[in-house]
Amino acid sequence: MKPVIWTALTLILAALPLGAQAGPRAKRIAQALQLTDAQKVSLQALRQKHRPDLLRRREVVQQAQRALRTALQDAAIPEAQLRPLFDKAAGARFDLLLARRALQRETQALLTPEQRLKAAELRGLARGQLRERVRGLRRGPTN
C-alpha cells in the first residue's frame, strides 16, 4: 500500500466531520463508508487529538529539510557536516511517519470490518487515479 494514498485517506477520515467545513471529498468518503454519527464524532476527536503533534512534526521536517538543502547548495561545506543534517531530516521524517501511523491505527480501530474493506477499495481506486495522473504528467501536454 502506498503511504501517500493511505495517509491521505486516513487524514481525510480523521478530518470528518467538520460540518460545513468538510469538503465534498470528505463528505463522499463518509457517505461511501456509511459512517455513523458516533464514528464521525470519534474521528473528529482523533483529528483534534493528533493535529497539534502532526503539525509540529511536519514543521520539524520542513526545517530539517531546509537546513539540508541550504547546506547542500554550499560547495564549501564538507560531507562530514552534511551527514548529520541528512540524518536529522531523515529522523524527523520517520517520526512524522510514525505519528501518522498511530493516527491510521486509531482511525482503523473506529471502523467496522465492512467499512475497512470499503476504505481499502476506495484506496485502490484512488491509487489507480493517482497512477493515471502521473502517467498524464509524464506524457506532457496532449496538444
C-alpha atoms as a PDB file:
ATOM      1  CA  MET A   1       0.000   0.000   0.000  1.00  0.00           C
ATOM      2  CA  LYS A   2       1.374   3.387  -0.997  1.00  0.00           C
ATOM      3  CA  PRO A   3       1.997   5.527   2.096  1.00  0.00           C
ATOM      4  CA  VAL A   4       0.788   8.677   0.350  1.00  0.00           C
ATOM      5  CA  ILE A   5      -2.602   7.186  -0.546  1.00  0.00           C
ATOM      6  CA  TRP A   6      -3.037   5.580   2.878  1.00  0.00           C
ATOM      7  CA  THR A   7      -2.056   8.772   4.670  1.00  0.00           C
ATOM      8  CA  ALA A   8      -4.372  10.873   2.516  1.00  0.00           C
ATOM      9  CA  LEU A   9      -7.335   8.590   3.176  1.00  0.00           C
ATOM     10  CA  THR A  10      -6.545   8.427   6.891  1.00  0.00           C
ATOM     11  CA  LEU A  11      -6.269  12.185   7.172  1.00  0.00           C
ATOM     12  CA  ILE A  12      -9.495  12.644   5.247  1.00  0.00           C
ATOM     13  CA  LEU A  13     -11.238  10.162   7.531  1.00  0.00           C
ATOM     14  CA  ALA A  14      -9.736  11.839  10.570  1.00  0.00           C
ATOM     15  CA  ALA A  15     -10.931  15.224   9.313  1.00  0.00           C
ATOM     16  CA  LEU A  16     -14.545  14.059   9.393  1.00  0.00           C
ATOM     17  CA  PRO A  17     -16.917  15.584  10.294  1.00  0.00           C
ATOM     18  CA  LEU A  18     -16.306  19.247  10.049  1.00  0.00           C
ATOM     19  CA  GLY A  19     -19.883  20.142   9.259  1.00  0.00           C
ATOM     20  CA  ALA A  20     -19.966  22.979   6.778  1.00  0.00           C
ATOM     21  CA  GLN A  21     -16.161  22.963   6.674  1.00  0.00           C
ATOM     22  CA  ALA A  22     -15.995  19.391   5.366  1.00  0.00           C
ATOM     23  CA  GLY A  23     -15.059  19.285   1.727  1.00  0.00           C
ATOM     24  CA  PRO A  24     -17.013  17.369  -0.884  1.00  0.00           C
ATOM     25  CA  ARG A  25     -14.374  14.629  -0.969  1.00  0.00           C
ATOM     26  CA  ALA A  26     -14.559  14.048   2.793  1.00  0.00           C
ATOM     27  CA  LYS A  27     -18.354  14.015   2.636  1.00  0.00           C
ATOM     28  CA  ARG A  28     -18.306  11.466  -0.215  1.00  0.00           C
ATOM     29  CA  ILE A  29     -15.961   9.207   1.770  1.00  0.00           C
ATOM     30  CA  ALA A  30     -18.117   9.482   4.901  1.00  0.00           C
ATOM     31  CA  GLN A  31     -21.170   8.637   2.845  1.00  0.00           C
ATOM     32  CA  ALA A  32     -19.449   5.774   0.994  1.00  0.00           C
ATOM     33  CA  LEU A  33     -18.319   4.258   4.295  1.00  0.00           C
ATOM     34  CA  GLN A  34     -21.728   4.916   5.862  1.00  0.00           C
ATOM     35  CA  LEU A  35     -20.147   6.359   8.984  1.00  0.00           C
ATOM     36  CA  THR A  36     -22.400   6.666  11.991  1.00  0.00           C
ATOM     37  CA  ASP A  37     -22.719   9.930  13.861  1.00  0.00           C
ATOM     38  CA  ALA A  38     -20.760   8.358  16.720  1.00  0.00           C
ATOM     39  CA  GLN A  39     -17.940   7.418  14.344  1.00  0.00           C
ATOM     40  CA  LYS A  40     -17.896  10.923  12.923  1.00  0.00           C
ATOM     41  CA  VAL A  41     -17.626  12.399  16.402  1.00  0.00           C
ATOM     42  CA  SER A  42     -14.864   9.934  17.313  1.00  0.00           C
ATOM     43  CA  LEU A  43     -12.948  10.726  14.122  1.00  0.00           C
ATOM     44  CA  GLN A  44     -13.252  14.426  14.874  1.00  0.00           C
ATOM     45  CA  ALA A  45     -11.859  13.828  18.356  1.00  0.00           C
ATOM     46  CA  LEU A  46      -8.939  11.853  16.897  1.00  0.00           C
ATOM     47  CA  ARG A  47      -8.215  14.636  14.460  1.00  0.00           C
ATOM     48  CA  GLN A  48      -8.182  17.199  17.234  1.00  0.00           C
ATOM     49  CA  LYS A  49      -6.021  14.965  19.398  1.00  0.00           C
ATOM     50  CA  HIS A  50      -3.368  14.348  16.724  1.00  0.00           C
ATOM     51  CA  ARG A  51      -3.416  17.664  14.850  1.00  0.00           C
ATOM     52  CA  PRO A  52      -1.030  19.665  17.077  1.00  0.00           C
ATOM     53  CA  ASP A  53       1.541  16.864  17.141  1.00  0.00           C
ATOM     54  CA  LEU A  54       1.329  16.275  13.377  1.00  0.00           C
ATOM     55  CA  LEU A  55       1.679  19.991  12.653  1.00  0.00           C
ATOM     56  CA  ARG A  56       4.664  20.266  14.997  1.00  0.00           C
ATOM     57  CA  ARG A  57       6.347  17.221  13.458  1.00  0.00           C
ATOM     58  CA  ARG A  58       5.685  18.494   9.931  1.00  0.00           C
ATOM     59  CA  GLU A  59       7.321  21.811  10.818  1.00  0.00           C
ATOM     60  CA  VAL A  60      10.360  19.989  12.246  1.00  0.00           C
ATOM     61  CA  VAL A  61      10.644  18.004   8.993  1.00  0.00           C
ATOM     62  CA  GLN A  62      10.408  21.157   6.885  1.00  0.00           C
ATOM     63  CA  GLN A  63      13.049  22.959   8.944  1.00  0.00           C
ATOM     64  CA  ALA A  64      15.425  19.991   8.795  1.00  0.00           C
ATOM     65  CA  GLN A  65      14.949  19.631   5.044  1.00  0.00           C
ATOM     66  CA  ARG A  66      15.517  23.365   4.503  1.00  0.00           C
ATOM     67  CA  ALA A  67      18.730  23.226   6.517  1.00  0.00           C
ATOM     68  CA  LEU A  68      19.938  20.236   4.496  1.00  0.00           C
ATOM     69  CA  ARG A  69      19.060  21.854   1.140  1.00  0.00           C
ATOM     70  CA  THR A  70      20.815  25.059   2.128  1.00  0.00           C
ATOM     71  CA  ALA A  71      23.924  23.168   3.201  1.00  0.00           C
ATOM     72  CA  LEU A  72      23.929  21.084   0.015  1.00  0.00           C
ATOM     73  CA  GLN A  73      23.955  24.248  -2.082  1.00  0.00           C
ATOM     74  CA  ASP A  74      27.136  25.443  -0.382  1.00  0.00           C
ATOM     75  CA  ALA A  75      30.018  23.624  -2.059  1.00  0.00           C
ATOM     76  CA  ALA A  76      32.350  24.668   0.767  1.00  0.00           C
ATOM     77  CA  ILE A  77      30.535  22.531   3.344  1.00  0.00           C
ATOM     78  CA  PRO A  78      32.302  19.187   3.735  1.00  0.00           C
ATOM     79  CA  GLU A  79      30.444  15.894   3.503  1.00  0.00           C
ATOM     80  CA  ALA A  80      31.123  15.225   7.186  1.00  0.00           C
ATOM     81  CA  GLN A  81      28.889  18.181   8.059  1.00  0.00           C
ATOM     82  CA  LEU A  82      26.152  17.109   5.634  1.00  0.00           C
ATOM     83  CA  ARG A  83      25.658  13.645   7.126  1.00  0.00           C
ATOM     84  CA  PRO A  84      24.240  14.879  10.478  1.00  0.00           C
ATOM     85  CA  LEU A  85      21.892  17.239   8.625  1.00  0.00           C
ATOM     86  CA  PHE A  86      20.671  14.376   6.467  1.00  0.00           C
ATOM     87  CA  ASP A  87      20.263  12.112   9.488  1.00  0.00           C
ATOM     88  CA  LYS A  88      18.266  14.797  11.297  1.00  0.00           C
ATOM     89  CA  ALA A  89      15.972  15.303   8.278  1.00  0.00           C
ATOM     90  CA  ALA A  90      15.502  11.549   7.823  1.00  0.00           C
ATOM     91  CA  GLY A  91      14.819  11.065  11.530  1.00  0.00           C
ATOM     92  CA  ALA A  92      12.279  13.883  11.566  1.00  0.00           C
ATOM     93  CA  ARG A  93      10.535  12.387   8.530  1.00  0.00           C
ATOM     94  CA  PHE A  94      10.438   8.977  10.201  1.00  0.00           C
ATOM     95  CA  ASP A  95       8.993  10.492  13.395  1.00  0.00           C
ATOM     96  CA  LEU A  96       6.256  12.099  11.297  1.00  0.00           C
ATOM     97  CA  LEU A  97       5.535   8.779   9.578  1.00  0.00           C
ATOM     98  CA  LEU A  98       5.205   7.068  12.960  1.00  0.00           C
ATOM     99  CA  ALA A  99       2.810   9.754  14.191  1.00  0.00           C
ATOM    100  CA  ARG A 100       0.700   9.341  11.038  1.00  0.00           C
ATOM    101  CA  ARG A 101       0.794   5.574  11.517  1.00  0.00           C
ATOM    102  CA  ALA A 102      -0.577   5.985  15.037  1.00  0.00           C
ATOM    103  CA  LEU A 103      -3.435   8.060  13.646  1.00  0.00           C
ATOM    104  CA  GLN A 104      -4.052   5.435  10.952  1.00  0.00           C
ATOM    105  CA  ARG A 105      -4.277   2.656  13.525  1.00  0.00           C
ATOM    106  CA  GLU A 106      -6.656   4.613  15.722  1.00  0.00           C
ATOM    107  CA  THR A 107      -8.778   5.535  12.711  1.00  0.00           C
ATOM    108  CA  GLN A 108      -8.971   1.924  11.533  1.00  0.00           C
ATOM    109  CA  ALA A 109      -9.993   0.805  15.021  1.00  0.00           C
ATOM    110  CA  LEU A 110     -13.095   3.007  14.769  1.00  0.00           C
ATOM    111  CA  LEU A 111     -14.288   1.363  11.566  1.00  0.00           C
ATOM    112  CA  THR A 112     -16.290  -1.825  11.249  1.00  0.00           C
ATOM    113  CA  PRO A 113     -14.781  -4.699   9.231  1.00  0.00           C
ATOM    114  CA  GLU A 114     -17.102  -3.809   6.350  1.00  0.00           C
ATOM    115  CA  GLN A 115     -16.033  -0.168   6.467  1.00  0.00           C
ATOM    116  CA  ARG A 116     -12.378  -1.218   6.492  1.00  0.00           C
ATOM    117  CA  LEU A 117     -12.975  -3.276   3.343  1.00  0.00           C
ATOM    118  CA  LYS A 118     -14.771  -0.371   1.682  1.00  0.00           C
ATOM    119  CA  ALA A 119     -11.939   2.005   2.700  1.00  0.00           C
ATOM    120  CA  ALA A 120      -9.411  -0.407   1.148  1.00  0.00           C
ATOM    121  CA  GLU A 121     -11.468  -0.412  -2.030  1.00  0.00           C
ATOM    122  CA  LEU A 122     -11.530   3.399  -2.069  1.00  0.00           C
ATOM    123  CA  ARG A 123      -7.761   3.468  -1.567  1.00  0.00           C
ATOM    124  CA  GLY A 124      -7.385   1.144  -4.557  1.00  0.00           C
ATOM    125  CA  LEU A 125      -9.494   3.444  -6.696  1.00  0.00           C
ATOM    126  CA  ALA A 126      -7.546   6.492  -5.510  1.00  0.00           C
ATOM    127  CA  ARG A 127      -4.273   4.706  -6.239  1.00  0.00           C
ATOM    128  CA  GLY A 128      -5.436   3.992  -9.793  1.00  0.00           C
ATOM    129  CA  GLN A 129      -6.484   7.598 -10.310  1.00  0.00           C
ATOM    130  CA  LEU A 130      -3.138   8.812  -8.992  1.00  0.00           C
ATOM    131  CA  ARG A 131      -1.294   6.492 -11.385  1.00  0.00           C
ATOM    132  CA  GLU A 132      -3.309   7.870 -14.295  1.00  0.00           C
ATOM    133  CA  ARG A 133      -2.499  11.456 -13.310  1.00  0.00           C
ATOM    134  CA  VAL A 134       1.193  10.638 -13.026  1.00  0.00           C
ATOM    135  CA  ARG A 135       1.143   8.967 -16.448  1.00  0.00           C
ATOM    136  CA  GLY A 136      -0.543  12.040 -17.879  1.00  0.00           C
ATOM    137  CA  LEU A 137       2.104  14.310 -16.362  1.00  0.00           C
ATOM    138  CA  ARG A 138       4.895  12.157 -17.744  1.00  0.00           C
ATOM    139  CA  ARG A 139       3.408  12.264 -21.228  1.00  0.00           C
ATOM    140  CA  GLY A 140       3.178  16.019 -21.116  1.00  0.00           C
ATOM    141  CA  PRO A 141       0.552  18.222 -22.735  1.00  0.00           C
ATOM    142  CA  THR A 142      -1.574  16.482 -25.345  1.00  0.00           C
ATOM    143  CA  ASN A 143      -1.790  19.278 -27.900  1.00  0.00           C
END
